[in-house]
Amino acid sequence: MSTVSTSIAAFELSYERGFLPLHDPLTRLPRAFDAWETVALGLPKLLISDQLRRTIADLPPFPIEAISDSRERERAMVLLSYLGHAYVWGGPRPELMLPARLAVPWHQVAESLCRPPVLSYSSYALHNFFRFDTSREIECGNLGLIQNFLGGMDEEWFILIHVEIERKAAPAIAVLDVCLDAAEARDAEQLEVLLSQVGSSLTSMYATLQRMPEHCEPLIYYHRVRPYIHGWKDHPDVPDGLVYEGVEAYGGHPQQFRGETGAQSAIVPALDAMLGVGHKEDALSSYLREMRTYMPPTHRAFIESLERRVPVRPFVQRAGRRQLTSKYNACVEALEAFRSLHLEYAAAYIFRQAQTDAQNPHAVGTGGTPFMQYLKKHRDETTESRL
């Protein structure tokens, strides 16, 4: 049986699910929210009509007082985030002000979850899937999305691949702090076993990522999936940000939040922390720290708990054991391969696509960054960590 730390439960993590929620996401809010759920369900049709913004603005008040638990808060965040991004990007030009009917409850729910009122990875992927057969694993073939923008195979597959990657990462995430324990105890044999488990998990993650092209075409992704996940920070078509009408905390001033991006997943930062993969202090490292504010607080706290400790790399280096060094390098190389494949996809699915709309720039990531430069730097710094 694999060694697993019981401390991960304090961060709402598990060996079976990693950073995915402990229970499958709620697929629908209670009846009081039916009007909102109906509009969210209709987004694929509304987004190709000229009725979307009027329909959202005409919704009845969002009954936030009827939300009773964390699963309902997360479903509310998914629903409001999708409606919010549809409202901003679902027209010939981006809308620069959200109506109070949508802005106020979105801000309130986001505050309760300690995340900004913008679509983040947590709502796009972690809390946006259901299983057709609950007796089977969380894996592609048994998954569907709860919420879509336009819908269709490419959008479903793009997000569900990320959900499966999160599941495949779980066995590694569950032993990261145990790896650090073994290094602190100078237990080389135990660390070898643990690093084998981490490496195996990384190999499974890579195999899932390789499946992206099966049902997600670059052209469709770029023109039909990507446009709705941009944010309003460092976006050339929304230079000043978005006004959240009626949100007293913002005082009528435009707010700038970054769009949904895989950099908001906690998997790779947690692996970096355990392995000791360093990132030089620059604009990229600042951006990565900023991405943590878009994560669930427990995920953020877990990464920080790992970073407060000495990574395993110095111990592996001092130990001078060929087998241990080999296991460590296998993990680093698997992480490098994962980042390299991600870089290849970024080039094929985004950078090489012909930009036809200023709202969907191909040289700027959905997080508002020069993503090709950042991803290359990630990859190269991982390579440099090999022993």
Protein backbone atom coordinates (compact mmCIF):
# COMPACT_ATOMS: atom_id res chain seq x y z
CA MET A 1 0.00 0.00 0.00
CA SER A 2 1.26 3.50 -0.83
CA THR A 3 2.34 5.78 1.97
CA VAL A 4 -0.04 8.71 2.23
CA SER A 5 0.01 11.64 4.61
CA THR A 6 -3.15 12.15 6.64
CA SER A 7 -2.35 15.88 6.79
CA ILE A 8 -3.70 16.44 3.28
CA ALA A 9 -7.22 16.10 4.70
CA ALA A 10 -6.67 19.44 6.43
CA PHE A 11 -6.45 20.99 2.95
CA GLU A 12 -9.57 19.16 1.70
CA LEU A 13 -7.43 16.91 -0.51
CA SER A 14 -7.53 13.15 -0.95
CA TYR A 15 -5.51 10.32 -2.46
CA GLU A 16 -8.40 9.50 -4.80
CA ARG A 17 -9.13 13.03 -6.04
CA GLY A 18 -6.17 15.31 -5.35
CA PHE A 19 -7.34 18.89 -5.91
CA LEU A 20 -10.75 17.86 -7.25
CA PRO A 21 -13.61 18.36 -4.76
CA LEU A 22 -14.12 15.55 -2.25
CA HIS A 23 -17.65 15.06 -3.58
CA ASP A 24 -18.83 15.39 -7.18
CA PRO A 25 -19.99 18.94 -7.96
CA LEU A 26 -23.62 19.94 -7.59
CA THR A 27 -25.24 19.99 -11.04
CA ARG A 28 -28.03 22.45 -10.24
CA LEU A 29 -29.06 24.92 -7.56
CA PRO A 30 -32.41 24.63 -5.67
CA ARG A 31 -35.69 25.67 -7.31
CA ALA A 32 -35.38 29.27 -6.14
CA PHE A 33 -32.63 29.66 -8.75
CA ASP A 34 -34.54 28.10 -11.66
CA ALA A 35 -34.67 31.28 -13.74
CA TRP A 36 -30.90 31.66 -13.53
CA GLU A 37 -30.25 27.99 -14.22
CA THR A 38 -32.53 28.13 -17.27
CA VAL A 39 -30.60 31.02 -18.78
CA ALA A 40 -27.27 29.32 -18.04
CA LEU A 41 -28.52 26.14 -19.70
CA GLY A 42 -29.52 28.19 -22.74
CA LEU A 43 -26.14 29.88 -23.25
CA PRO A 44 -25.26 27.86 -26.39
CA LYS A 45 -28.35 29.30 -28.11
CA LEU A 46 -28.26 32.76 -26.55
CA LEU A 47 -24.63 33.32 -27.53
CA ILE A 48 -25.51 33.16 -31.22
CA SER A 49 -28.54 35.42 -30.79
CA ASP A 50 -28.76 39.15 -30.10
CA GLN A 51 -30.80 38.51 -26.94
CA LEU A 52 -28.10 37.41 -24.48
CA ARG A 53 -27.35 40.64 -22.63
CA ARG A 54 -30.98 41.70 -22.41
CA THR A 55 -31.99 38.24 -21.14
CA ILE A 56 -29.37 38.32 -18.37
CA ALA A 57 -30.17 41.90 -17.39
CA ASP A 58 -33.87 40.98 -17.10
CA LEU A 59 -33.35 38.07 -14.70
CA PRO A 60 -35.08 38.25 -11.30
CA PRO A 61 -32.92 39.05 -8.24
CA PHE A 62 -30.41 36.29 -7.47
CA PRO A 63 -31.67 34.74 -4.17
CA ILE A 64 -28.24 34.48 -2.57
CA GLU A 65 -29.79 34.01 0.88
CA ALA A 66 -31.06 30.60 -0.30
CA ILE A 67 -27.50 29.23 -0.66
CA SER A 68 -26.92 26.89 2.26
CA ASP A 69 -23.62 25.05 1.85
CA SER A 70 -20.24 24.98 0.10
CA ARG A 71 -21.39 22.86 -2.85
CA GLU A 72 -24.18 25.32 -3.57
CA ARG A 73 -21.72 28.22 -3.33
CA GLU A 74 -19.44 26.53 -5.84
CA ARG A 75 -22.34 25.84 -8.23
CA ALA A 76 -23.43 29.48 -7.86
CA MET A 77 -19.89 30.58 -8.69
CA VAL A 78 -19.85 28.41 -11.82
CA LEU A 79 -23.23 29.71 -12.94
CA LEU A 80 -22.48 33.40 -12.27
CA SER A 81 -19.00 33.16 -13.80
CA TYR A 82 -20.29 31.66 -17.04
CA LEU A 83 -23.08 34.22 -17.25
CA GLY A 84 -20.63 37.01 -16.46
CA HIS A 85 -18.16 36.01 -19.17
CA ALA A 86 -20.98 35.41 -21.65
CA TYR A 87 -22.27 38.92 -20.92
CA VAL A 88 -18.85 40.54 -21.43
CA TRP A 89 -17.69 38.57 -24.49
CA GLY A 90 -21.01 37.52 -26.08
CA GLY A 91 -21.30 40.35 -28.59
CA PRO A 92 -19.48 42.07 -31.43
CA ARG A 93 -17.67 44.22 -28.87
CA PRO A 94 -16.88 43.44 -25.21
CA GLU A 95 -19.31 44.91 -22.70
CA LEU A 96 -17.40 47.08 -20.21
CA MET A 97 -20.04 47.21 -17.46
CA LEU A 98 -21.86 44.35 -15.76
CA PRO A 99 -25.42 45.10 -14.60
CA ALA A 100 -25.90 45.12 -10.84
CA ARG A 101 -28.36 42.22 -11.13
CA LEU A 102 -25.37 40.01 -12.05
CA ALA A 103 -22.39 41.91 -10.63
CA VAL A 104 -23.56 42.14 -7.02
CA PRO A 105 -24.31 38.44 -6.36
CA TRP A 106 -21.20 37.41 -8.30
CA HIS A 107 -19.08 39.59 -6.04
CA GLN A 108 -20.83 38.28 -2.92
CA VAL A 109 -20.37 34.61 -3.85
CA ALA A 110 -16.77 35.19 -4.89
CA GLU A 111 -16.04 36.92 -1.58
CA SER A 112 -17.47 33.95 0.32
CA LEU A 113 -15.10 31.66 -1.61
CA CYS A 114 -12.10 34.01 -1.24
CA ARG A 115 -11.68 34.26 -5.02
CA PRO A 116 -12.16 37.18 -7.44
CA PRO A 117 -15.45 37.57 -9.34
CA VAL A 118 -14.13 36.20 -12.64
CA LEU A 119 -14.16 32.78 -14.28
CA SER A 120 -11.21 30.87 -12.84
CA TYR A 121 -9.92 27.33 -13.33
CA SER A 122 -11.73 26.15 -10.23
CA SER A 123 -15.14 26.98 -11.72
CA TYR A 124 -14.20 26.11 -15.30
CA ALA A 125 -12.91 22.62 -14.52
CA LEU A 126 -12.68 21.49 -10.88
CA HIS A 127 -16.35 22.14 -10.05
CA ASN A 128 -17.83 21.67 -13.52
CA PHE A 129 -18.11 17.94 -14.22
CA PHE A 130 -20.44 15.04 -13.61
CA ARG A 131 -20.01 11.29 -13.97
CA PHE A 132 -22.42 9.28 -16.08
CA ASP A 133 -21.70 6.23 -13.93
CA THR A 134 -20.82 7.13 -10.35
CA SER A 135 -19.41 3.67 -9.75
CA ARG A 136 -16.67 4.36 -12.29
CA GLU A 137 -13.57 6.57 -12.05
CA ILE A 138 -13.35 10.27 -12.83
CA GLU A 139 -12.04 9.75 -16.36
CA CYS A 140 -12.77 10.80 -19.91
CA GLY A 141 -15.48 8.57 -21.32
CA ASN A 142 -17.40 8.75 -18.06
CA LEU A 143 -17.53 12.55 -17.76
CA GLY A 144 -19.65 15.41 -19.01
CA LEU A 145 -19.62 19.14 -18.33
CA ILE A 146 -22.31 20.68 -16.15
CA GLN A 147 -21.99 24.10 -17.73
CA ASN A 148 -20.97 25.20 -21.25
CA PHE A 149 -20.64 28.35 -23.28
CA LEU A 150 -21.32 27.22 -26.88
CA GLY A 151 -21.11 23.52 -26.11
CA GLY A 152 -19.95 20.86 -28.55
CA MET A 153 -17.33 18.14 -28.55
CA ASP A 154 -14.26 20.41 -28.58
CA GLU A 155 -15.32 22.48 -25.57
CA GLU A 156 -16.32 19.39 -23.60
CA TRP A 157 -13.09 17.53 -24.36
CA PHE A 158 -10.80 20.49 -23.70
CA ILE A 159 -12.11 20.92 -20.16
CA LEU A 160 -12.63 17.24 -19.34
CA ILE A 161 -9.02 16.43 -20.25
CA HIS A 162 -8.05 18.85 -17.48
CA VAL A 163 -10.43 17.13 -15.05
CA GLU A 164 -8.85 13.75 -15.79
CA ILE A 165 -5.35 15.22 -15.40
CA GLU A 166 -6.35 16.43 -11.93
CA ARG A 167 -7.49 12.90 -11.08
CA LYS A 168 -4.28 11.37 -12.46
CA ALA A 169 -2.23 13.81 -10.37
CA ALA A 170 -3.92 12.75 -7.13
CA PRO A 171 -1.53 9.91 -6.13
CA ALA A 172 1.43 12.30 -6.48
CA ILE A 173 -0.25 15.17 -4.63
CA ALA A 174 -1.12 12.82 -1.76
CA VAL A 175 2.55 12.03 -1.01
CA LEU A 176 4.31 15.34 -1.61
CA ASP A 177 4.66 16.19 2.06
CA VAL A 178 5.61 12.57 2.81
CA CYS A 179 8.47 12.95 0.31
CA LEU A 180 9.65 15.97 2.29
CA ASP A 181 9.34 13.96 5.53
CA ALA A 182 11.53 11.21 4.06
CA ALA A 183 14.16 13.70 2.92
CA GLU A 184 14.21 15.36 6.36
CA ALA A 185 14.60 11.93 7.99
CA ARG A 186 17.36 11.07 5.46
CA ASP A 187 15.42 7.96 4.53
CA ALA A 188 16.70 7.45 0.98
CA GLU A 189 14.97 4.10 0.45
CA GLN A 190 11.57 5.47 1.44
CA LEU A 191 12.08 8.53 -0.75
CA GLU A 192 12.90 6.30 -3.72
CA VAL A 193 9.57 4.51 -3.29
CA LEU A 194 7.69 7.78 -3.00
CA LEU A 195 9.39 9.39 -5.99
CA SER A 196 8.46 6.32 -8.04
CA GLN A 197 4.81 7.01 -7.17
CA VAL A 198 5.16 10.67 -8.12
CA GLY A 199 6.84 9.72 -11.39
CA SER A 200 4.13 7.21 -12.22
CA SER A 201 1.46 9.83 -11.59
CA LEU A 202 3.25 12.32 -13.85
CA THR A 203 3.46 9.71 -16.59
CA SER A 204 -0.31 9.17 -16.34
CA MET A 205 -0.90 12.94 -16.49
CA TYR A 206 1.20 13.16 -19.65
CA ALA A 207 -0.69 10.28 -21.27
CA THR A 208 -3.98 12.08 -20.64
CA LEU A 209 -2.65 15.38 -22.01
CA GLN A 210 -1.54 13.54 -25.16
CA ARG A 211 -5.21 12.77 -25.83
CA MET A 212 -6.19 16.43 -26.26
CA PRO A 213 -6.19 16.31 -30.11
CA GLU A 214 -8.57 13.32 -30.17
CA HIS A 215 -11.68 15.51 -29.87
CA CYS A 216 -10.43 19.09 -29.66
CA GLU A 217 -9.29 20.68 -32.92
CA PRO A 218 -6.98 23.73 -32.75
CA LEU A 219 -9.13 25.82 -35.10
CA ILE A 220 -12.34 25.10 -33.18
CA TYR A 221 -10.67 25.67 -29.83
CA TYR A 222 -9.27 29.03 -30.89
CA HIS A 223 -12.44 30.40 -32.48
CA ARG A 224 -15.22 28.70 -30.48
CA VAL A 225 -13.84 27.79 -27.03
CA ARG A 226 -11.15 30.30 -26.14
CA PRO A 227 -12.96 33.62 -26.76
CA TYR A 228 -15.16 33.31 -23.66
CA ILE A 229 -12.46 32.58 -21.08
CA HIS A 230 -10.46 35.79 -21.43
CA GLY A 231 -10.38 38.13 -18.46
CA TRP A 232 -10.09 41.89 -18.17
CA LYS A 233 -6.53 42.46 -17.06
CA ASP A 234 -3.76 43.10 -19.59
CA HIS A 235 -6.26 42.42 -22.36
CA PRO A 236 -5.72 44.77 -25.33
CA ASP A 237 -9.44 45.10 -26.05
CA VAL A 238 -10.38 45.89 -22.41
CA PRO A 239 -7.51 48.18 -21.37
CA ASP A 240 -9.15 49.66 -18.27
CA GLY A 241 -11.01 46.64 -16.92
CA LEU A 242 -14.67 45.95 -16.14
CA VAL A 243 -17.12 48.00 -14.07
CA TYR A 244 -19.18 45.91 -11.61
CA GLU A 245 -22.29 48.06 -11.29
CA GLY A 246 -23.69 48.26 -7.77
CA VAL A 247 -20.72 46.65 -6.00
CA GLU A 248 -19.99 49.13 -3.22
CA ALA A 249 -16.51 47.76 -2.53
CA TYR A 250 -15.42 48.81 -6.02
CA GLY A 251 -16.91 52.30 -5.89
CA GLY A 252 -17.82 52.31 -9.55
CA HIS A 253 -14.18 51.92 -10.62
CA PRO A 254 -13.21 49.37 -13.30
CA GLN A 255 -11.66 46.19 -11.95
CA GLN A 256 -8.94 44.16 -13.63
CA PHE A 257 -8.97 40.38 -13.19
CA ARG A 258 -7.14 37.78 -15.24
CA GLY A 259 -8.96 35.16 -17.28
CA GLU A 260 -9.13 31.41 -16.78
CA THR A 261 -5.84 29.61 -17.31
CA GLY A 262 -4.23 26.30 -16.36
CA ALA A 263 -1.70 28.32 -14.35
CA GLN A 264 -4.49 28.51 -11.74
CA SER A 265 -4.22 24.73 -11.15
CA ALA A 266 -2.26 23.86 -8.02
CA ILE A 267 -0.70 20.66 -9.42
CA VAL A 268 2.48 22.01 -10.98
CA PRO A 269 3.31 24.59 -8.27
CA ALA A 270 2.96 21.83 -5.66
CA LEU A 271 5.26 19.51 -7.62
CA ASP A 272 7.77 22.34 -8.13
CA ALA A 273 7.79 22.96 -4.38
CA MET A 274 8.53 19.34 -3.47
CA LEU A 275 11.13 18.76 -6.19
CA GLY A 276 12.83 22.12 -5.75
CA VAL A 277 12.20 23.40 -9.29
CA GLY A 278 13.02 27.07 -8.94
CA HIS A 279 11.77 30.04 -10.93
CA LYS A 280 13.97 33.13 -11.12
CA GLU A 281 12.49 36.27 -9.60
CA ASP A 282 11.01 38.21 -12.50
CA ALA A 283 7.67 39.12 -14.08
CA LEU A 284 6.85 35.44 -14.58
CA SER A 285 7.37 34.48 -10.93
CA SER A 286 5.22 37.45 -9.89
CA TYR A 287 2.52 36.28 -12.28
CA LEU A 288 2.62 32.75 -10.85
CA ARG A 289 2.16 34.12 -7.34
CA GLU A 290 -0.75 36.22 -8.56
CA MET A 291 -2.38 33.10 -10.03
CA ARG A 292 -2.66 31.67 -6.53
CA THR A 293 -5.21 34.33 -5.60
CA TYR A 294 -7.53 32.67 -8.13
CA MET A 295 -7.19 29.24 -6.49
CA PRO A 296 -9.36 27.91 -3.66
CA PRO A 297 -7.72 29.04 -0.38
CA THR A 298 -7.02 25.45 0.70
CA HIS A 299 -5.04 24.78 -2.49
CA ARG A 300 -3.08 27.98 -1.99
CA ALA A 301 -2.36 27.02 1.61
CA PHE A 302 -1.20 23.54 0.61
CA ILE A 303 1.36 24.92 -1.84
CA GLU A 304 2.59 27.39 0.78
CA SER A 305 2.91 24.60 3.36
CA LEU A 306 5.21 22.73 0.97
CA GLU A 307 7.24 25.83 0.14
CA ARG A 308 7.95 26.52 3.81
CA ARG A 309 9.96 23.29 3.89
CA VAL A 310 13.28 22.35 2.30
CA PRO A 311 12.65 20.55 -1.02
CA VAL A 312 13.99 17.05 -1.60
CA ARG A 313 16.60 18.16 -4.15
CA PRO A 314 19.41 19.07 -1.68
CA PHE A 315 19.07 15.73 0.12
CA VAL A 316 19.10 13.79 -3.16
CA GLN A 317 22.20 15.71 -4.19
CA ARG A 318 24.01 15.03 -0.90
CA ALA A 319 22.98 11.38 -0.67
CA GLY A 320 24.92 10.47 -3.79
CA ARG A 321 22.81 7.34 -4.38
CA ARG A 322 22.53 6.49 -8.06
CA GLN A 323 19.06 4.94 -7.70
CA LEU A 324 17.69 7.91 -5.73
CA THR A 325 19.14 10.41 -8.20
CA SER A 326 17.63 8.41 -11.05
CA LYS A 327 14.17 8.45 -9.42
CA TYR A 328 14.44 12.20 -8.80
CA ASN A 329 15.54 12.94 -12.35
CA ALA A 330 12.74 10.76 -13.71
CA CYS A 331 10.23 13.03 -11.91
CA VAL A 332 11.89 16.20 -13.18
CA GLU A 333 12.06 14.83 -16.72
CA ALA A 334 8.40 13.80 -16.61
CA LEU A 335 7.45 17.29 -15.43
CA GLU A 336 9.61 18.77 -18.19
CA ALA A 337 7.87 16.55 -20.76
CA PHE A 338 4.45 17.65 -19.48
CA ARG A 339 5.43 21.31 -19.77
CA SER A 340 6.95 20.75 -23.22
CA LEU A 341 3.75 19.15 -24.53
CA HIS A 342 1.73 22.00 -23.07
CA LEU A 343 4.03 24.43 -24.89
CA GLU A 344 3.52 22.53 -28.17
CA TYR A 345 -0.25 22.74 -27.75
CA ALA A 346 -0.10 26.45 -26.93
CA ALA A 347 1.74 27.02 -30.20
CA ALA A 348 -0.63 24.86 -32.27
CA TYR A 349 -3.92 25.81 -30.64
CA ILE A 350 -3.29 29.53 -30.14
CA PHE A 351 -0.07 31.12 -31.39
CA ARG A 352 -0.20 29.75 -34.95
CA GLN A 353 -3.89 30.52 -35.40
CA ALA A 354 -4.84 33.52 -37.53
CA GLN A 355 -6.17 36.34 -35.38
CA THR A 356 -9.39 37.70 -36.83
CA ASP A 357 -10.80 39.42 -33.74
CA ALA A 358 -9.13 41.84 -31.30
CA GLN A 359 -11.13 40.22 -28.50
CA ASN A 360 -9.19 36.97 -29.00
CA PRO A 361 -5.50 37.91 -29.41
CA HIS A 362 -3.22 35.02 -30.39
CA ALA A 363 -0.08 36.48 -28.80
CA VAL A 364 -1.66 37.09 -25.39
CA GLY A 365 -2.82 34.29 -23.09
CA THR A 366 -6.26 34.15 -21.51
CA GLY A 367 -4.45 35.18 -18.33
CA GLY A 368 -3.21 38.31 -20.13
CA THR A 369 0.43 37.24 -20.51
CA PRO A 370 2.97 36.66 -23.30
CA PHE A 371 2.29 32.96 -22.79
CA MET A 372 4.80 31.48 -25.25
CA GLN A 373 7.66 33.28 -23.54
CA TYR A 374 6.41 32.25 -20.10
CA LEU A 375 5.83 28.60 -21.00
CA LYS A 376 9.30 28.29 -22.55
CA LYS A 377 10.83 29.74 -19.41
CA HIS A 378 8.86 27.27 -17.26
CA ARG A 379 10.13 24.40 -19.33
CA ASP A 380 13.74 25.56 -19.36
CA GLU A 381 13.85 26.12 -15.59
CA THR A 382 12.50 22.62 -15.08
CA THR A 383 15.25 21.21 -17.29
CA GLU A 384 17.86 23.04 -15.22
CA SER A 385 16.71 21.23 -12.06
CA ARG A 386 17.96 17.82 -13.21
CA LEU A 387 20.88 16.39 -11.21
